[in-house]
PDB file of N, CA and C in Angstrom:
ATOM      1  N   MET A   1      87.818  30.108 122.403  1.00  0.00           N
ATOM      2  CA  MET A   1      88.254  30.555 123.471  1.00  0.00           C
ATOM      3  C   MET A   1      88.917  31.917 123.439  1.00  0.00           C
ATOM      4  N   PHE A   2      89.259  32.673 124.475  1.00  0.00           N
ATOM      5  CA  PHE A   2      89.952  33.911 124.595  1.00  0.00           C
ATOM      6  C   PHE A   2      90.833  33.947 125.740  1.00  0.00           C
ATOM      7  N   ALA A   3      91.983  34.574 125.474  1.00  0.00           N
ATOM      8  CA  ALA A   3      92.744  34.582 126.757  1.00  0.00           C
ATOM      9  C   ALA A   3      92.336  35.887 127.626  1.00  0.00           C
ATOM     10  N   VAL A   4      91.859  35.725 128.629  1.00  0.00           N
ATOM     11  CA  VAL A   4      91.544  36.902 129.485  1.00  0.00           C
ATOM     12  C   VAL A   4      92.583  36.965 130.844  1.00  0.00           C
ATOM     13  N   PRO A   5      93.587  37.663 130.941  1.00  0.00           N
ATOM     14  CA  PRO A   5      94.663  37.636 131.709  1.00  0.00           C
ATOM     15  C   PRO A   5      94.016  37.460 133.256  1.00  0.00           C
ATOM     16  N   ALA A   6      93.166  38.307 133.705  1.00  0.00           N
ATOM     17  CA  ALA A   6      92.394  38.110 134.914  1.00  0.00           C
ATOM     18  C   ALA A   6      92.036  36.819 135.448  1.00  0.00           C
ATOM     19  N   LEU A   7      91.225  36.004 134.480  1.00  0.00           N
ATOM     20  CA  LEU A   7      90.842  34.814 134.825  1.00  0.00           C
ATOM     21  C   LEU A   7      91.642  33.389 134.546  1.00  0.00           C
ATOM     22  N   VAL A   8      93.143  33.766 133.881  1.00  0.00           N
ATOM     23  CA  VAL A   8      93.875  32.825 133.947  1.00  0.00           C
ATOM     24  C   VAL A   8      94.726  32.535 135.297  1.00  0.00           C
ATOM     25  N   SER A   9      94.569  31.239 135.751  1.00  0.00           N
ATOM     26  CA  SER A   9      95.307  30.946 137.066  1.00  0.00           C
ATOM     27  C   SER A   9      96.444  30.102 136.664  1.00  0.00           C
ATOM     28  N   ALA A  10      97.237  29.886 137.891  1.00  0.00           N
ATOM     29  CA  ALA A  10      98.763  29.229 137.431  1.00  0.00           C
ATOM     30  C   ALA A  10      98.328  27.748 137.254  1.00  0.00           C
ATOM     31  N   GLN A  11      96.922  27.198 137.854  1.00  0.00           N
ATOM     32  CA  GLN A  11      96.751  25.913 137.564  1.00  0.00           C
ATOM     33  C   GLN A  11      95.997  25.649 136.419  1.00  0.00           C
ATOM     34  N   THR A  12      95.847  26.439 135.330  1.00  0.00           N
ATOM     35  CA  THR A  12      95.188  26.213 134.325  1.00  0.00           C
ATOM     36  C   THR A  12      96.250  25.370 133.300  1.00  0.00           C
ATOM     37  N   ARG A  13      95.802  24.523 132.539  1.00  0.00           N
ATOM     38  CA  ARG A  13      96.563  23.690 131.951  1.00  0.00           C
ATOM     39  C   ARG A  13      97.300  24.472 130.679  1.00  0.00           C
ATOM     40  N   VAL A  14      98.494  24.253 130.276  1.00  0.00           N
ATOM     41  CA  VAL A  14      98.956  24.640 129.179  1.00  0.00           C
ATOM     42  C   VAL A  14      99.037  23.408 128.045  1.00  0.00           C
ATOM     43  N   TYR A  15      98.420  23.799 127.077  1.00  0.00           N
ATOM     44  CA  TYR A  15      98.418  22.870 125.618  1.00  0.00           C
ATOM     45  C   TYR A  15      99.569  23.338 124.698  1.00  0.00           C
ATOM     46  N   GLU A  16     100.275  22.554 124.147  1.00  0.00           N
ATOM     47  CA  GLU A  16     101.304  22.688 123.527  1.00  0.00           C
ATOM     48  C   GLU A  16     100.983  22.469 121.747  1.00  0.00           C
ATOM     49  N   SER A  17     101.595  23.236 120.976  1.00  0.00           N
ATOM     50  CA  SER A  17     101.384  23.193 119.485  1.00  0.00           C
ATOM     51  C   SER A  17     102.702  23.302 118.872  1.00  0.00           C
ATOM     52  N   GLU A  18     102.960  22.939 117.599  1.00  0.00           N
ATOM     53  CA  GLU A  18     104.043  23.319 116.861  1.00  0.00           C
ATOM     54  C   GLU A  18     104.468  24.604 116.975  1.00  0.00           C
ATOM     55  N   LEU A  19     103.303  25.729 116.792  1.00  0.00           N
ATOM     56  CA  LEU A  19     103.766  27.264 116.602  1.00  0.00           C
ATOM     57  C   LEU A  19     103.928  27.956 118.004  1.00  0.00           C
ATOM     58  N   HIS A  20     102.724  27.707 118.985  1.00  0.00           N
ATOM     59  CA  HIS A  20     102.501  28.367 120.250  1.00  0.00           C
ATOM     60  C   HIS A  20     101.926  27.415 121.047  1.00  0.00           C
ATOM     61  N   ASP A  21     102.395  27.888 122.651  1.00  0.00           N
ATOM     62  CA  ASP A  21     101.623  27.169 123.613  1.00  0.00           C
ATOM     63  C   ASP A  21     100.507  28.114 123.807  1.00  0.00           C
ATOM     64  N   PHE A  22      99.326  27.417 124.616  1.00  0.00           N
ATOM     65  CA  PHE A  22      98.086  28.127 124.790  1.00  0.00           C
ATOM     66  C   PHE A  22      97.389  27.590 125.905  1.00  0.00           C
ATOM     67  N   ARG A  23      96.359  28.126 126.737  1.00  0.00           N
ATOM     68  CA  ARG A  23      95.631  27.747 127.682  1.00  0.00           C
ATOM     69  C   ARG A  23      93.985  28.015 127.147  1.00  0.00           C
ATOM     70  N   LEU A  24      93.128  27.215 127.769  1.00  0.00           N
ATOM     71  CA  LEU A  24      91.915  27.488 127.308  1.00  0.00           C
ATOM     72  C   LEU A  24      91.132  28.057 128.913  1.00  0.00           C
ATOM     73  N   VAL A  25      90.459  28.888 128.735  1.00  0.00           N
ATOM     74  CA  VAL A  25      89.688  29.410 129.898  1.00  0.00           C
ATOM     75  C   VAL A  25      88.356  29.739 129.454  1.00  0.00           C
ATOM     76  N   THR A  26      87.318  29.136 130.381  1.00  0.00           N
ATOM     77  CA  THR A  26      85.868  29.274 130.147  1.00  0.00           C
ATOM     78  C   THR A  26      85.726  31.058 130.697  1.00  0.00           C
ATOM     79  N   ILE A  27      85.303  31.705 129.888  1.00  0.00           N
ATOM     80  CA  ILE A  27      84.794  33.093 130.383  1.00  0.00           C
ATOM     81  C   ILE A  27      83.379  33.378 130.573  1.00  0.00           C
ATOM     82  N   ALA A  28      82.474  32.458 130.426  1.00  0.00           N
ATOM     83  CA  ALA A  28      81.131  32.462 130.837  1.00  0.00           C
ATOM     84  C   ALA A  28      80.712  31.115 130.619  1.00  0.00           C
ATOM     85  N   GLU A  29      79.404  30.667 131.315  1.00  0.00           N
ATOM     86  CA  GLU A  29      78.783  29.588 131.307  1.00  0.00           C
ATOM     87  C   GLU A  29      77.280  29.816 130.875  1.00  0.00           C
ATOM     88  N   GLY A  30      76.653  29.129 130.255  1.00  0.00           N
ATOM     89  CA  GLY A  30      75.350  29.020 129.895  1.00  0.00           C
ATOM     90  C   GLY A  30      74.788  29.623 128.776  1.00  0.00           C
ATOM     91  N   LEU A  31      76.070  29.641 127.798  1.00  0.00           N
ATOM     92  CA  LEU A  31      75.634  30.024 126.329  1.00  0.00           C
ATOM     93  C   LEU A  31      75.133  28.949 125.455  1.00  0.00           C
ATOM     94  N   GLU A  32      74.289  29.179 124.667  1.00  0.00           N
ATOM     95  CA  GLU A  32      73.915  28.171 123.752  1.00  0.00           C
ATOM     96  C   GLU A  32      74.550  28.587 122.262  1.00  0.00           C
ATOM     97  N   HIS A  33      75.369  27.730 121.855  1.00  0.00           N
ATOM     98  CA  HIS A  33      76.111  27.957 120.637  1.00  0.00           C
ATOM     99  C   HIS A  33      76.622  29.240 120.373  1.00  0.00           C
ATOM    100  N   PRO A  34      77.813  29.314 121.472  1.00  0.00           N
ATOM    101  CA  PRO A  34      78.394  31.027 120.982  1.00  0.00           C
ATOM    102  C   PRO A  34      78.904  31.158 119.674  1.00  0.00           C
ATOM    103  N   TRP A  35      78.932  32.177 118.993  1.00  0.00           N
ATOM    104  CA  TRP A  35      79.185  32.302 117.507  1.00  0.00           C
ATOM    105  C   TRP A  35      80.194  33.193 117.385  1.00  0.00           C
ATOM    106  N   SER A  36      80.339  34.283 118.045  1.00  0.00           N
ATOM    107  CA  SER A  36      81.119  35.423 117.835  1.00  0.00           C
ATOM    108  C   SER A  36      81.303  36.339 118.939  1.00  0.00           C
ATOM    109  N   ILE A  37      82.357  36.768 119.256  1.00  0.00           N
ATOM    110  CA  ILE A  37      82.670  37.723 120.552  1.00  0.00           C
ATOM    111  C   ILE A  37      83.042  39.179 119.986  1.00  0.00           C
ATOM    112  N   ALA A  38      82.604  40.095 120.704  1.00  0.00           N
ATOM    113  CA  ALA A  38      83.073  41.697 120.441  1.00  0.00           C
ATOM    114  C   ALA A  38      83.573  42.082 121.585  1.00  0.00           C
ATOM    115  N   PHE A  39      84.800  42.640 121.859  1.00  0.00           N
ATOM    116  CA  PHE A  39      85.142  43.230 122.872  1.00  0.00           C
ATOM    117  C   PHE A  39      84.787  44.728 123.016  1.00  0.00           C
ATOM    118  N   LEU A  40      84.090  45.183 124.069  1.00  0.00           N
ATOM    119  CA  LEU A  40      83.927  46.574 124.114  1.00  0.00           C
ATOM    120  C   LEU A  40      84.853  47.263 125.030  1.00  0.00           C
ATOM    121  N   PRO A  41      84.802  48.672 124.672  1.00  0.00           N
ATOM    122  CA  PRO A  41      85.623  49.656 125.407  1.00  0.00           C
ATOM    123  C   PRO A  41      85.820  49.474 126.835  1.00  0.00           C
ATOM    124  N   GLY A  42      84.649  49.269 127.544  1.00  0.00           N
ATOM    125  CA  GLY A  42      84.587  48.923 128.901  1.00  0.00           C
ATOM    126  C   GLY A  42      84.968  47.812 129.476  1.00  0.00           C
ATOM    127  N   GLY A  43      85.352  46.963 128.711  1.00  0.00           N
ATOM    128  CA  GLY A  43      85.565  45.426 129.193  1.00  0.00           C
ATOM    129  C   GLY A  43      84.539  44.617 129.032  1.00  0.00           C
ATOM    130  N   GLU A  44      83.473  44.968 128.743  1.00  0.00           N
ATOM    131  CA  GLU A  44      82.325  43.902 128.555  1.00  0.00           C
ATOM    132  C   GLU A  44      82.446  43.139 127.040  1.00  0.00           C
ATOM    133  N   LEU A  45      81.836  42.099 127.176  1.00  0.00           N
ATOM    134  CA  LEU A  45      82.168  41.238 125.834  1.00  0.00           C
ATOM    135  C   LEU A  45      80.539  40.832 125.267  1.00  0.00           C
ATOM    136  N   LEU A  46      80.365  41.175 124.138  1.00  0.00           N
ATOM    137  CA  LEU A  46      79.071  40.989 123.287  1.00  0.00           C
ATOM    138  C   LEU A  46      79.271  39.426 122.700  1.00  0.00           C
ATOM    139  N   VAL A  47      78.270  38.709 122.949  1.00  0.00           N
ATOM    140  CA  VAL A  47      78.411  37.419 122.397  1.00  0.00           C
ATOM    141  C   VAL A  47      77.292  36.867 121.451  1.00  0.00           C
ATOM    142  N   THR A  48      77.426  36.709 120.206  1.00  0.00           N
ATOM    143  CA  THR A  48      76.428  36.229 119.377  1.00  0.00           C
ATOM    144  C   THR A  48      76.057  34.671 119.465  1.00  0.00           C
ATOM    145  N   GLU A  49      74.786  34.450 119.857  1.00  0.00           N
ATOM    146  CA  GLU A  49      74.628  33.026 119.957  1.00  0.00           C
ATOM    147  C   GLU A  49      73.563  32.514 118.507  1.00  0.00           C
ATOM    148  N   ARG A  50      73.741  31.331 118.089  1.00  0.00           N
ATOM    149  CA  ARG A  50      73.197  30.691 117.002  1.00  0.00           C
ATOM    150  C   ARG A  50      71.663  30.995 117.067  1.00  0.00           C
ATOM    151  N   PRO A  51      70.853  31.010 118.294  1.00  0.00           N
ATOM    152  CA  PRO A  51      69.371  31.183 118.144  1.00  0.00           C
ATOM    153  C   PRO A  51      68.956  32.546 117.940  1.00  0.00           C
ATOM    154  N   GLY A  52      69.974  33.467 118.163  1.00  0.00           N
ATOM    155  CA  GLY A  52      69.608  34.996 117.716  1.00  0.00           C
ATOM    156  C   GLY A  52      69.670  35.746 119.039  1.00  0.00           C
ATOM    157  N   ARG A  53      70.238  35.376 120.021  1.00  0.00           N
ATOM    158  CA  ARG A  53      70.247  36.084 121.231  1.00  0.00           C
ATOM    159  C   ARG A  53      71.687  37.005 121.178  1.00  0.00           C
ATOM    160  N   LEU A  54      71.723  38.077 122.147  1.00  0.00           N
ATOM    161  CA  LEU A  54      73.012  38.671 121.952  1.00  0.00           C
ATOM    162  C   LEU A  54      73.115  39.075 123.588  1.00  0.00           C
ATOM    163  N   PRO A  55      73.869  37.974 124.154  1.00  0.00           N
ATOM    164  CA  PRO A  55      74.016  38.147 125.536  1.00  0.00           C
ATOM    165  C   PRO A  55      75.267  39.151 125.641  1.00  0.00           C
ATOM    166  N   ILE A  56      75.567  39.729 127.005  1.00  0.00           N
ATOM    167  CA  ILE A  56      76.559  40.740 127.547  1.00  0.00           C
ATOM    168  C   ILE A  56      77.275  39.987 128.415  1.00  0.00           C
ATOM    169  N   ILE A  57      78.694  40.022 128.567  1.00  0.00           N
ATOM    170  CA  ILE A  57      79.531  39.756 129.674  1.00  0.00           C
ATOM    171  C   ILE A  57      79.969  40.823 130.399  1.00  0.00           C
ATOM    172  N   LYS A  58      79.609  40.877 131.948  1.00  0.00           N
ATOM    173  CA  LYS A  58      80.160  42.187 132.231  1.00  0.00           C
ATOM    174  C   LYS A  58      80.905  41.466 133.640  1.00  0.00           C
ATOM    175  N   GLY A  59      82.133  42.008 133.922  1.00  0.00           N
ATOM    176  CA  GLY A  59      83.047  41.664 134.917  1.00  0.00           C
ATOM    177  C   GLY A  59      83.205  39.952 135.005  1.00  0.00           C
ATOM    178  N   GLY A  60      83.131  39.211 133.847  1.00  0.00           N
ATOM    179  CA  GLY A  60      83.337  37.678 134.130  1.00  0.00           C
ATOM    180  C   GLY A  60      81.906  37.109 134.127  1.00  0.00           C
ATOM    181  N   GLU A  61      80.833  37.812 134.522  1.00  0.00           N
ATOM    182  CA  GLU A  61      79.490  37.156 134.620  1.00  0.00           C
ATOM    183  C   GLU A  61      78.401  37.556 133.549  1.00  0.00           C
ATOM    184  N   LEU A  62      77.651  36.561 133.154  1.00  0.00           N
ATOM    185  CA  LEU A  62      76.977  36.504 132.268  1.00  0.00           C
ATOM    186  C   LEU A  62      75.684  37.293 132.520  1.00  0.00           C
ATOM    187  N   ALA A  63      75.108  38.374 131.840  1.00  0.00           N
ATOM    188  CA  ALA A  63      74.238  39.117 132.143  1.00  0.00           C
ATOM    189  C   ALA A  63      72.517  38.465 132.116  1.00  0.00           C
ATOM    190  N   VAL A  64      71.890  38.792 133.259  1.00  0.00           N
ATOM    191  CA  VAL A  64      70.674  37.836 133.259  1.00  0.00           C
ATOM    192  C   VAL A  64      69.889  37.968 132.018  1.00  0.00           C
ATOM    193  N   GLU A  65      69.642  39.232 131.262  1.00  0.00           N
ATOM    194  CA  GLU A  65      69.092  39.517 130.119  1.00  0.00           C
ATOM    195  C   GLU A  65      69.916  39.674 129.020  1.00  0.00           C
ATOM    196  N   PRO A  66      69.717  38.954 127.721  1.00  0.00           N
ATOM    197  CA  PRO A  66      70.408  39.393 126.628  1.00  0.00           C
ATOM    198  C   PRO A  66      69.992  40.664 126.178  1.00  0.00           C
ATOM    199  N   VAL A  67      71.200  41.329 125.501  1.00  0.00           N
ATOM    200  CA  VAL A  67      70.952  42.737 124.852  1.00  0.00           C
ATOM    201  C   VAL A  67      69.695  42.790 124.200  1.00  0.00           C
ATOM    202  N   PHE A  68      69.512  41.927 123.162  1.00  0.00           N
ATOM    203  CA  PHE A  68      68.345  41.536 122.064  1.00  0.00           C
ATOM    204  C   PHE A  68      67.107  41.275 122.912  1.00  0.00           C
ATOM    205  N   GLY A  69      67.368  40.641 124.109  1.00  0.00           N
ATOM    206  CA  GLY A  69      66.081  40.218 124.692  1.00  0.00           C
ATOM    207  C   GLY A  69      65.177  41.184 125.207  1.00  0.00           C
ATOM    208  N   ARG A  70      65.919  42.472 125.371  1.00  0.00           N
ATOM    209  CA  ARG A  70      64.955  43.681 125.868  1.00  0.00           C
ATOM    210  C   ARG A  70      64.278  44.162 124.631  1.00  0.00           C
ATOM    211  N   PHE A  71      64.838  44.089 123.331  1.00  0.00           N
ATOM    212  CA  PHE A  71      64.127  44.712 122.206  1.00  0.00           C
ATOM    213  C   PHE A  71      63.480  43.396 121.259  1.00  0.00           C
ATOM    214  N   GLY A  72      63.397  42.329 121.696  1.00  0.00           N
ATOM    215  CA  GLY A  72      62.930  41.228 120.618  1.00  0.00           C
ATOM    216  C   GLY A  72      64.131  40.177 120.287  1.00  0.00           C
ATOM    217  N   LYS A  73      64.113  39.485 119.281  1.00  0.00           N
ATOM    218  CA  LYS A  73      65.208  38.519 118.897  1.00  0.00           C
ATOM    219  C   LYS A  73      65.802  39.158 117.666  1.00  0.00           C
ATOM    220  N   ALA A  74      66.936  38.770 117.643  1.00  0.00           N
ATOM    221  CA  ALA A  74      67.883  39.085 116.424  1.00  0.00           C
ATOM    222  C   ALA A  74      67.599  37.691 115.374  1.00  0.00           C
ATOM    223  N   PRO A  75      67.834  37.896 114.364  1.00  0.00           N
ATOM    224  CA  PRO A  75      67.542  36.983 113.431  1.00  0.00           C
ATOM    225  C   PRO A  75      68.527  35.679 113.692  1.00  0.00           C
ATOM    226  N   ALA A  76      68.142  34.575 113.570  1.00  0.00           N
ATOM    227  CA  ALA A  76      69.004  33.483 114.014  1.00  0.00           C
ATOM    228  C   ALA A  76      69.984  33.284 112.889  1.00  0.00           C
ATOM    229  N   ALA A  77      71.291  32.850 113.473  1.00  0.00           N
ATOM    230  CA  ALA A  77      72.163  32.644 112.391  1.00  0.00           C
ATOM    231  C   ALA A  77      71.953  31.349 111.644  1.00  0.00           C
ATOM    232  N   THR A  78      72.412  31.308 110.351  1.00  0.00           N
ATOM    233  CA  THR A  78      72.130  30.265 109.606  1.00  0.00           C
ATOM    234  C   THR A  78      73.464  29.402 109.338  1.00  0.00           C
ATOM    235  N   ARG A  79      73.539  28.337 109.623  1.00  0.00           N
ATOM    236  CA  ARG A  79      74.714  27.374 109.510  1.00  0.00           C
ATOM    237  C   ARG A  79      74.644  26.548 108.136  1.00  0.00           C
ATOM    238  N   ARG A  80      75.663  26.842 107.260  1.00  0.00           N
ATOM    239  CA  ARG A  80      75.648  26.204 106.120  1.00  0.00           C
ATOM    240  C   ARG A  80      76.979  25.373 105.840  1.00  0.00           C
ATOM    241  N   LEU A  81      77.056  24.425 105.081  1.00  0.00           N
ATOM    242  CA  LEU A  81      78.302  23.707 104.914  1.00  0.00           C
ATOM    243  C   LEU A  81      78.985  24.455 103.676  1.00  0.00           C
ATOM    244  N   THR A  82      80.130  24.820 103.870  1.00  0.00           N
ATOM    245  CA  THR A  82      81.044  25.346 102.912  1.00  0.00           C
ATOM    246  C   THR A  82      81.951  24.628 102.237  1.00  0.00           C
ATOM    247  N   VAL A  83      81.800  24.259 101.032  1.00  0.00           N
ATOM    248  CA  VAL A  83      82.766  23.272 100.439  1.00  0.00           C
ATOM    249  C   VAL A  83      83.530  24.165  99.430  1.00  0.00           C
ATOM    250  N   GLY A  84      84.915  23.901  99.526  1.00  0.00           N
ATOM    251  CA  GLY A  84      85.635  24.765  99.085  1.00  0.00           C
ATOM    252  C   GLY A  84      86.986  24.333  98.161  1.00  0.00           C
TER     253      GLY A  84
END
């Protein structure tokens, strides 16, 4: 989750940890296994999903068609167990 000041309300629960207090804010619904987020200069967000889609969030709303939905599918992300 990411702190987006415009979406944070006074009623959002504050979680406390040893180092910092924080809030969890849902910035979009309907994503399937969100993997990573890129912040664009215009305020939009690109979100990679494990199945290979690249949806875009504009003004707090999930776009109807993913970016890669227009041009085909990106390769699906591979989940591997990392033992270290």
